[in-house]
Protein backbone atom coordinates (compact mmCIF):
# COMPACT_ATOMS: atom_id res chain seq x y z
CA MET A 1 43.80 8.70 35.62
CA VAL A 2 40.01 8.62 35.21
CA ASN A 3 38.22 11.83 36.09
CA ILE A 4 34.65 11.55 37.32
CA SER A 5 32.35 14.54 36.97
CA LYS A 6 31.52 16.47 40.13
CA ARG A 7 27.87 16.10 39.15
CA GLU A 8 28.09 12.33 39.51
CA GLU A 9 30.30 12.38 42.59
CA GLU A 10 27.84 14.61 44.45
CA LEU A 11 24.86 12.33 43.83
CA PRO A 12 23.62 10.54 46.96
CA GLY A 13 24.56 6.89 47.31
CA ALA A 14 21.41 4.79 47.30
CA VAL A 15 21.17 2.59 50.39
CA ILE A 16 18.59 0.43 48.61
CA ALA A 17 21.27 -1.02 46.31
CA LYS A 18 23.35 -2.06 49.33
CA LEU A 19 20.31 -3.60 51.04
CA LEU A 20 19.46 -5.62 47.95
CA LYS A 21 23.00 -6.96 47.77
CA ILE A 22 23.13 -7.90 51.45
CA ALA A 23 19.67 -9.49 51.41
CA GLU A 24 20.64 -11.54 48.34
CA GLU A 25 23.84 -12.79 49.96
CA ASP A 26 22.35 -13.58 53.39
CA LYS A 27 19.21 -15.69 53.09
CA SER A 28 18.47 -15.34 56.82
CA ILE A 29 17.54 -11.70 56.25
CA ILE A 30 13.90 -10.78 55.70
CA SER A 31 13.72 -7.81 53.37
CA LEU A 32 11.05 -5.16 53.85
CA GLY A 33 13.11 -2.80 51.75
CA PRO A 34 12.68 -2.94 47.97
CA GLY A 35 9.72 -1.33 46.22
CA GLU A 36 9.03 -4.23 43.89
CA PRO A 37 5.91 -6.44 43.77
CA ASP A 38 6.46 -9.95 45.10
CA PHE A 39 3.72 -11.25 42.83
CA PRO A 40 4.58 -12.83 39.48
CA THR A 41 3.45 -11.09 36.33
CA PRO A 42 -0.16 -12.25 35.62
CA PRO A 43 -0.18 -15.54 33.65
CA PRO A 44 -2.02 -14.19 30.57
CA ILE A 45 0.70 -11.57 30.11
CA VAL A 46 3.52 -14.11 30.50
CA ASN A 47 1.87 -16.53 28.07
CA TYR A 48 1.34 -13.76 25.52
CA ALA A 49 4.99 -12.70 25.89
CA LYS A 50 6.13 -16.20 24.95
CA LYS A 51 4.07 -16.09 21.77
CA VAL A 52 5.24 -12.72 20.49
CA LEU A 53 8.91 -12.69 21.51
CA SER A 54 10.24 -13.49 18.03
CA LYS A 55 7.98 -10.89 16.40
CA ALA A 56 9.20 -7.84 18.33
CA THR A 57 12.98 -7.69 18.00
CA HIS A 58 13.45 -4.40 16.14
CA TYR A 59 13.53 -0.74 17.15
CA SER A 60 10.34 1.20 17.73
CA PRO A 61 9.62 4.85 16.86
CA SER A 62 10.87 7.27 19.52
CA GLU A 63 7.31 8.24 20.42
CA GLY A 64 6.28 4.61 20.78
CA ARG A 65 4.43 2.02 18.71
CA ALA A 66 1.10 3.24 17.36
CA GLU A 67 -0.92 0.39 18.89
CA PHE A 68 0.61 0.98 22.33
CA ILE A 69 0.03 4.72 22.22
CA GLU A 70 -3.57 4.19 21.11
CA ALA A 71 -4.19 1.66 23.89
CA ALA A 72 -2.65 3.99 26.48
CA CYS A 73 -4.80 6.86 25.18
CA ARG A 74 -7.98 4.82 25.53
CA LYS A 75 -6.99 3.82 29.06
CA LEU A 76 -6.22 7.41 30.10
CA ARG A 77 -9.54 8.68 28.75
CA ARG A 78 -11.56 5.81 30.24
CA GLU A 79 -9.91 5.32 33.64
CA ASN A 80 -8.11 8.58 34.42
CA LYS A 81 -10.70 10.85 32.75
CA ILE A 82 -7.91 12.73 30.95
CA LYS A 83 -9.19 14.18 27.66
CA CYS A 84 -6.06 13.39 25.67
CA SER A 85 -5.22 12.29 22.14
CA THR A 86 -2.37 10.14 20.84
CA GLU A 87 -0.34 13.33 20.24
CA ASN A 88 -0.26 13.82 24.01
CA ILE A 89 1.52 10.51 24.76
CA ILE A 90 5.04 9.08 24.61
CA ALA A 91 6.16 5.55 25.51
CA THR A 92 8.99 5.52 28.05
CA THR A 93 11.39 2.99 29.50
CA GLY A 94 9.51 2.89 32.78
CA SER A 95 8.23 6.00 34.53
CA GLN A 96 11.77 6.65 35.79
CA GLU A 97 12.85 7.66 32.28
CA GLY A 98 9.68 9.72 32.06
CA ILE A 99 10.82 11.78 35.06
CA LEU A 100 14.19 12.53 33.46
CA LEU A 101 12.72 13.34 30.02
CA ALA A 102 10.05 15.58 31.52
CA LEU A 103 12.56 17.52 33.62
CA ALA A 104 15.01 17.83 30.71
CA CYS A 105 12.29 19.50 28.65
CA THR A 106 10.93 21.84 31.32
CA VAL A 107 13.88 23.27 33.29
CA ASP A 108 17.14 24.99 32.45
CA VAL A 109 20.24 25.45 34.60
CA ALA A 110 19.52 26.98 38.04
CA GLU A 111 15.76 26.99 37.54
CA GLU A 112 13.82 25.56 40.45
CA VAL A 113 11.88 22.34 40.88
CA ILE A 114 9.71 21.80 43.95
CA PHE A 115 9.46 18.17 44.99
CA PRO A 116 7.94 16.30 47.96
CA SER A 117 10.09 15.43 50.96
CA PRO A 118 9.85 12.73 52.12
CA GLY A 119 9.44 11.56 48.54
CA PHE A 120 10.61 9.07 45.94
CA LEU A 121 14.40 8.88 46.16
CA ALA A 122 15.00 9.50 42.42
CA TYR A 123 13.49 13.00 42.24
CA LEU A 124 16.41 14.86 43.79
CA PRO A 125 19.18 13.16 41.74
CA CYS A 126 17.26 13.74 38.50
CA ILE A 127 16.93 17.44 39.28
CA GLU A 128 20.61 17.72 40.19
CA LEU A 129 21.76 15.80 37.11
CA LEU A 130 20.22 18.55 35.00
CA SER A 131 21.87 21.29 37.12
CA ALA A 132 18.48 22.62 38.15
CA PHE A 133 17.84 23.75 41.72
CA PRO A 134 15.88 21.35 43.98
CA ILE A 135 13.41 22.83 46.49
CA PRO A 136 12.05 20.26 48.97
CA LEU A 137 8.42 20.65 50.02
CA ARG A 138 8.09 19.34 53.55
CA LEU A 139 5.32 16.81 54.12
CA LYS A 140 4.42 16.43 57.80
CA GLU A 141 3.28 13.34 59.66
CA GLU A 142 0.69 15.29 61.66
CA GLU A 143 -0.86 16.42 58.35
CA GLY A 144 -1.04 12.87 57.02
CA PHE A 145 1.88 13.69 54.68
CA ASP A 146 -0.55 15.72 52.58
CA ILE A 147 0.49 18.80 50.60
CA ASN A 148 0.18 21.99 52.64
CA LEU A 149 -0.75 24.64 50.09
CA GLY A 150 0.38 27.55 52.25
CA ARG A 151 3.81 25.99 52.69
CA LEU A 152 3.99 25.29 48.96
CA GLN A 153 3.13 28.84 47.96
CA ARG A 154 5.88 30.23 50.18
CA LEU A 155 8.42 28.22 48.17
CA ILE A 156 7.37 29.56 44.77
CA ASP A 157 9.35 32.40 43.22
CA LYS A 158 10.27 33.66 39.75
CA LYS A 159 12.72 30.79 39.20
CA THR A 160 10.17 28.07 39.98
CA LYS A 161 9.21 26.10 36.86
CA VAL A 162 8.03 22.65 37.98
CA ILE A 163 6.23 21.00 40.88
CA ILE A 164 6.54 17.21 41.25
CA ILE A 165 3.72 15.33 42.97
CA ASN A 166 3.38 11.62 43.68
CA THR A 167 0.00 10.02 44.35
CA PRO A 168 -0.33 7.37 45.69
CA ALA A 169 2.98 8.20 47.34
CA ASN A 170 6.24 6.43 47.95
CA PRO A 171 7.32 6.25 50.80
CA THR A 172 4.42 7.62 52.85
CA GLY A 173 1.46 5.77 51.33
CA SER A 174 -0.57 9.00 51.19
CA VAL A 175 -3.14 9.67 48.44
CA LEU A 176 -3.90 13.22 47.35
CA SER A 177 -7.62 14.01 47.46
CA ARG A 178 -9.51 15.71 44.66
CA LYS A 179 -9.90 18.76 46.92
CA THR A 180 -6.13 19.02 47.40
CA LEU A 181 -5.50 18.58 43.68
CA GLU A 182 -8.06 21.27 42.81
CA ALA A 183 -6.37 23.72 45.18
CA LEU A 184 -2.97 22.78 43.77
CA ALA A 185 -4.26 23.30 40.23
CA ASP A 186 -5.24 26.88 41.10
CA VAL A 187 -1.69 27.56 42.34
CA VAL A 188 -0.15 26.01 39.22
CA VAL A 189 -2.27 28.05 36.84
CA GLU A 190 -1.73 31.26 38.84
CA HIS A 191 2.06 30.91 38.58
CA ASP A 192 2.11 29.30 35.11
CA LEU A 193 3.96 26.20 36.28
CA ILE A 194 4.19 22.59 35.10
CA VAL A 195 3.16 19.67 37.29
CA ILE A 196 4.94 16.34 36.89
CA SER A 197 2.43 13.90 38.36
CA ASP A 198 3.97 10.51 39.20
CA GLU A 199 1.10 8.01 39.33
CA ALA A 200 3.00 4.72 39.27
CA TYR A 201 0.87 3.25 42.10
CA GLU A 202 -2.48 4.43 40.72
CA LYS A 203 -4.21 1.02 41.06
CA LEU A 204 -3.07 0.41 44.64
CA VAL A 205 -5.48 2.40 46.83
CA TYR A 206 -7.36 1.27 49.93
CA ASP A 207 -10.21 2.07 52.30
CA ASP A 208 -12.24 5.02 50.99
CA ALA A 209 -9.29 6.59 49.14
CA LYS A 210 -9.69 7.24 45.42
CA HIS A 211 -7.02 8.00 42.87
CA PHE A 212 -7.46 11.20 40.87
CA SER A 213 -5.25 12.42 38.05
CA ILE A 214 -4.69 16.17 38.28
CA ALA A 215 -4.62 16.31 34.46
CA SER A 216 -8.30 15.32 34.46
CA LEU A 217 -9.28 18.63 36.04
CA ASN A 218 -10.58 21.32 33.72
CA GLY A 219 -7.73 22.79 31.66
CA MET A 220 -4.96 20.99 33.58
CA LEU A 221 -3.78 18.80 30.68
CA ASP A 222 -2.05 21.96 29.44
CA TYR A 223 -0.07 22.20 32.69
CA THR A 224 0.59 18.54 33.54
CA ILE A 225 2.89 15.70 32.56
CA THR A 226 1.35 12.51 33.95
CA LEU A 227 3.64 9.50 34.38
CA HIS A 228 2.40 5.91 34.38
CA SER A 229 4.14 2.57 34.79
CA PHE A 230 3.39 -1.14 34.43
CA SER A 231 5.88 -2.07 37.16
CA LYS A 232 3.56 -1.89 40.18
CA SER A 233 -0.04 -2.42 39.06
CA TYR A 234 0.79 -5.18 36.58
CA ALA A 235 3.81 -6.62 38.45
CA MET A 236 6.01 -5.99 35.39
CA PRO A 237 9.11 -4.18 36.76
CA GLY A 238 11.53 -6.17 34.62
CA PHE A 239 9.82 -5.13 31.38
CA ARG A 240 10.80 -1.47 31.93
CA ILE A 241 7.79 0.08 30.26
CA GLY A 242 5.68 3.13 31.00
CA TYR A 243 4.21 6.18 29.31
CA ALA A 244 3.83 9.91 29.81
CA CYS A 245 0.90 12.14 28.89
CA GLY A 246 1.15 15.90 28.60
CA PRO A 247 0.74 19.02 26.45
CA GLU A 248 1.49 18.23 22.82
CA LYS A 249 4.34 20.76 22.67
CA LEU A 250 6.09 19.17 25.66
CA ILE A 251 5.54 15.62 24.44
CA LYS A 252 7.09 16.54 21.09
CA ALA A 253 10.09 17.94 22.96
CA MET A 254 10.42 14.68 24.92
CA ILE A 255 10.22 12.72 21.66
CA ARG A 256 13.01 14.85 20.15
CA ILE A 257 15.45 14.02 22.95
CA HIS A 258 14.36 10.40 23.33
CA PRO A 259 16.89 9.15 20.75
CA TYR A 260 19.63 10.42 23.06
CA THR A 261 18.49 8.54 26.16
CA THR A 262 17.17 5.07 25.27
CA LEU A 263 16.18 5.77 21.64
CA SER A 264 12.80 4.20 22.34
CA ALA A 265 11.02 2.09 24.91
CA PRO A 266 11.70 -1.65 24.37
CA THR A 267 9.65 -2.94 21.44
CA ILE A 268 8.83 -6.28 23.07
CA SER A 269 7.69 -4.52 26.23
CA GLN A 270 5.41 -2.18 24.29
CA VAL A 271 3.81 -5.13 22.51
CA ILE A 272 3.26 -6.95 25.79
CA ALA A 273 2.05 -3.82 27.62
CA THR A 274 -0.52 -3.20 24.88
CA PHE A 275 -1.92 -6.64 25.62
CA ALA A 276 -1.68 -6.07 29.39
CA LEU A 277 -4.05 -3.12 29.13
CA SER A 278 -6.70 -5.50 27.80
CA ILE A 279 -6.56 -8.26 30.43
CA SER A 280 -9.19 -8.79 33.08
CA LYS A 281 -8.91 -6.40 36.02
CA LYS A 282 -9.31 -9.36 38.35
CA TYR A 283 -5.55 -9.97 38.30
CA ILE A 284 -4.82 -6.45 39.53
CA GLU A 285 -7.63 -6.67 42.07
CA GLN A 286 -6.29 -9.96 43.47
CA MET A 287 -2.92 -8.31 44.12
CA ARG A 288 -4.52 -5.19 45.56
CA LYS A 289 -6.64 -7.21 47.99
CA GLU A 290 -3.62 -9.15 49.23
CA TYR A 291 -1.64 -5.92 49.67
CA ASP A 292 -4.60 -4.52 51.61
CA LYS A 293 -4.62 -7.52 53.94
CA ARG A 294 -0.91 -7.07 54.62
CA ARG A 295 -1.32 -3.29 54.98
CA LYS A 296 -3.89 -3.63 57.74
CA PHE A 297 -1.70 -6.11 59.62
CA ILE A 298 1.62 -4.28 59.35
CA TRP A 299 0.14 -0.87 60.18
CA LYS A 300 -1.55 -2.22 63.31
CA ARG A 301 1.52 -4.17 64.49
CA LEU A 302 3.94 -1.29 63.93
CA ASN A 303 1.83 0.95 66.15
CA GLU A 304 1.44 -1.82 68.73
CA ILE A 305 5.21 -2.25 69.09
CA GLY A 306 5.76 1.48 69.50
CA LEU A 307 6.54 2.71 66.00
CA SER A 308 4.03 5.49 65.32
CA THR A 309 2.76 5.01 61.77
CA VAL A 310 0.20 6.95 59.76
CA ARG A 311 -2.31 4.58 58.14
CA PRO A 312 -1.24 4.30 54.47
CA GLN A 313 -3.96 4.84 51.88
CA GLY A 314 -2.06 3.67 48.81
CA ALA A 315 1.08 2.02 47.33
CA PHE A 316 2.63 -0.73 49.50
CA TYR A 317 4.67 1.06 52.16
CA THR A 318 4.46 2.18 55.77
CA PHE A 319 6.46 5.16 57.05
CA SER A 320 7.17 4.93 60.77
CA ASN A 321 8.41 7.49 63.28
CA ILE A 322 11.56 6.36 65.17
CA GLN A 323 12.50 9.67 66.78
CA ASP A 324 11.95 8.40 70.32
CA PHE A 325 14.98 6.12 69.97
CA GLY A 326 17.42 9.00 69.68
CA ILE A 327 19.37 7.67 66.72
CA SER A 328 19.41 8.43 63.01
CA SER A 329 17.21 6.52 60.60
CA ASN A 330 20.36 5.10 59.01
CA ALA A 331 21.68 3.84 62.35
CA PHE A 332 18.25 2.38 63.19
CA SER A 333 18.10 0.53 59.86
CA GLU A 334 21.67 -0.75 60.21
CA HIS A 335 20.88 -2.01 63.72
CA MET A 336 17.84 -3.92 62.50
CA LEU A 337 19.81 -5.36 59.61
CA LYS A 338 22.64 -6.53 61.84
CA HIS A 339 20.77 -7.68 64.94
CA ALA A 340 17.21 -8.46 63.79
CA LYS A 341 18.17 -9.65 60.32
CA VAL A 342 15.47 -7.43 58.81
CA ALA A 343 16.16 -4.99 55.96
CA ILE A 344 14.20 -1.73 56.10
CA MET A 345 14.81 1.62 54.42
CA PRO A 346 16.05 4.63 56.39
CA GLY A 347 13.88 7.69 55.91
CA SER A 348 16.91 9.80 55.07
CA GLU A 349 16.94 8.07 51.67
CA PHE A 350 13.73 9.93 50.86
CA GLY A 351 14.96 13.45 51.48
CA ILE A 352 15.94 15.71 54.38
CA TYR A 353 12.45 15.60 55.85
CA GLY A 354 12.48 11.81 55.82
CA GLU A 355 15.02 11.71 58.63
CA GLY A 356 13.55 10.29 61.83
CA TYR A 357 11.48 7.71 59.94
CA VAL A 358 11.89 4.28 58.37
CA ARG A 359 10.04 2.73 55.45
CA CYS A 360 8.78 -0.84 55.44
CA SER A 361 7.47 -2.46 52.28
CA TYR A 362 4.61 -4.92 52.53
CA ALA A 363 5.32 -6.28 49.08
CA THR A 364 6.32 -9.55 50.68
CA ALA A 365 4.39 -12.56 51.99
CA LEU A 366 2.38 -12.06 55.18
CA PRO A 367 4.14 -14.83 57.18
CA ARG A 368 7.49 -13.15 56.48
CA ILE A 369 6.08 -9.77 57.50
CA GLU A 370 4.85 -11.33 60.75
CA GLU A 371 8.29 -12.80 61.47
CA ALA A 372 10.06 -9.58 60.52
CA LEU A 373 7.96 -7.56 62.96
CA ARG A 374 8.52 -10.13 65.70
CA ARG A 375 12.27 -9.67 65.22
CA ILE A 376 11.99 -5.88 65.10
CA GLU A 377 9.91 -5.83 68.30
CA ALA A 378 12.55 -7.84 70.13
CA GLU A 379 15.29 -5.44 69.06
CA LEU A 380 13.30 -2.34 69.98
CA GLY A 381 13.64 -3.40 73.61
CA ASN A 382 17.41 -3.58 73.22
CA LEU A 383 17.50 -0.14 71.61
CA LYS A 384 15.47 1.36 74.45
CA GLN A 385 17.81 -0.23 77.00
CA LYS A 386 20.87 1.19 75.23
CA LYS A 387 19.25 4.63 75.26
CA LYS A 388 18.66 4.37 79.03
CA VAL A 389 22.25 3.31 79.68
CA LYS A 390 23.56 6.15 77.53
CA ARG A 391 21.35 8.67 79.35
CA ARG A 392 22.56 7.43 82.80
CA PHE A 393 26.17 7.66 81.61
CA TRP A 394 25.85 11.30 80.60
CA GLN A 395 23.91 12.12 83.79
CA ARG A 396 26.82 10.74 85.89
CA ARG A 397 29.24 12.94 83.97
């Protein structure tokens, strides 16, 4: 008999894996679910990868290849205004590994980690895998899913060690302003905490929104682990490459345990990512502009068909309120999958405060988004009719 640890058995089952499987098997389904760019990796990166494949087949140092670390350092100083050195950086197998490494080096059993809810679905499982205590910070629609500092401060106690932030944010599309980050920095310093700042969507911002790294604020490099990825901005999810920047002491700790996770980030991916940091920004800007075009359309249409949606400022998601339909976000998503043949993500996947919402990804072609929303609109009428019938039934009783 095989015994499975209670830790693993108690982890939430990710609906996204089921949606991917169903969407792959049924080609009539339009998927607005996965958080993966639909653009191919920029041609210069692909062509370079073909040239260097045979030259990068061995292990890399646990901290990362020197040329990659140096290139990442230059980028962080130039674009993020973080005054770091190469000793502040580690190469990771995507930013997902960065989250786990950072948490493993900052919290012990039963210590507390505050994380956004609704928020990226991997935060909670990572905290629980390390037997730390997760504390969800509620983000409210009427506040634009921004961080409420008063609410945050009420959650902090002697066991609190880490605050996770995500900007631009998945699933809400919110972008934290410099003013919010400055106020958050004061709280962090006051309580001597560590911020894990997930900035995977840093290049995907719209309208007048600007991306700021909290580590760029005066003195905050000593309190912040900043996570970056090539998956979104460079359309390189399959390369599994990212990097983390933080206090030298913490980065050294992450390097020490790296041999026991993935040993090192993939050598070939580090070589290619080093080159990616040097390509023309026009490739990223072309993707961003197309996302922006889709964003404006999907946000407007969702509100037109009766799904209240805060205008997203970053990433490539909308987060819509479905509470008027009187069913759970999971039931709503299952209904759309079955009857509209559209895959969307239930808000419950993104934490307890995500219930009552659904996430749509606009990382898919505009014509397919248009068709998906046409199908959803048709089914919304059916859902409203069912709600009326149910209400009349209970009134008769």
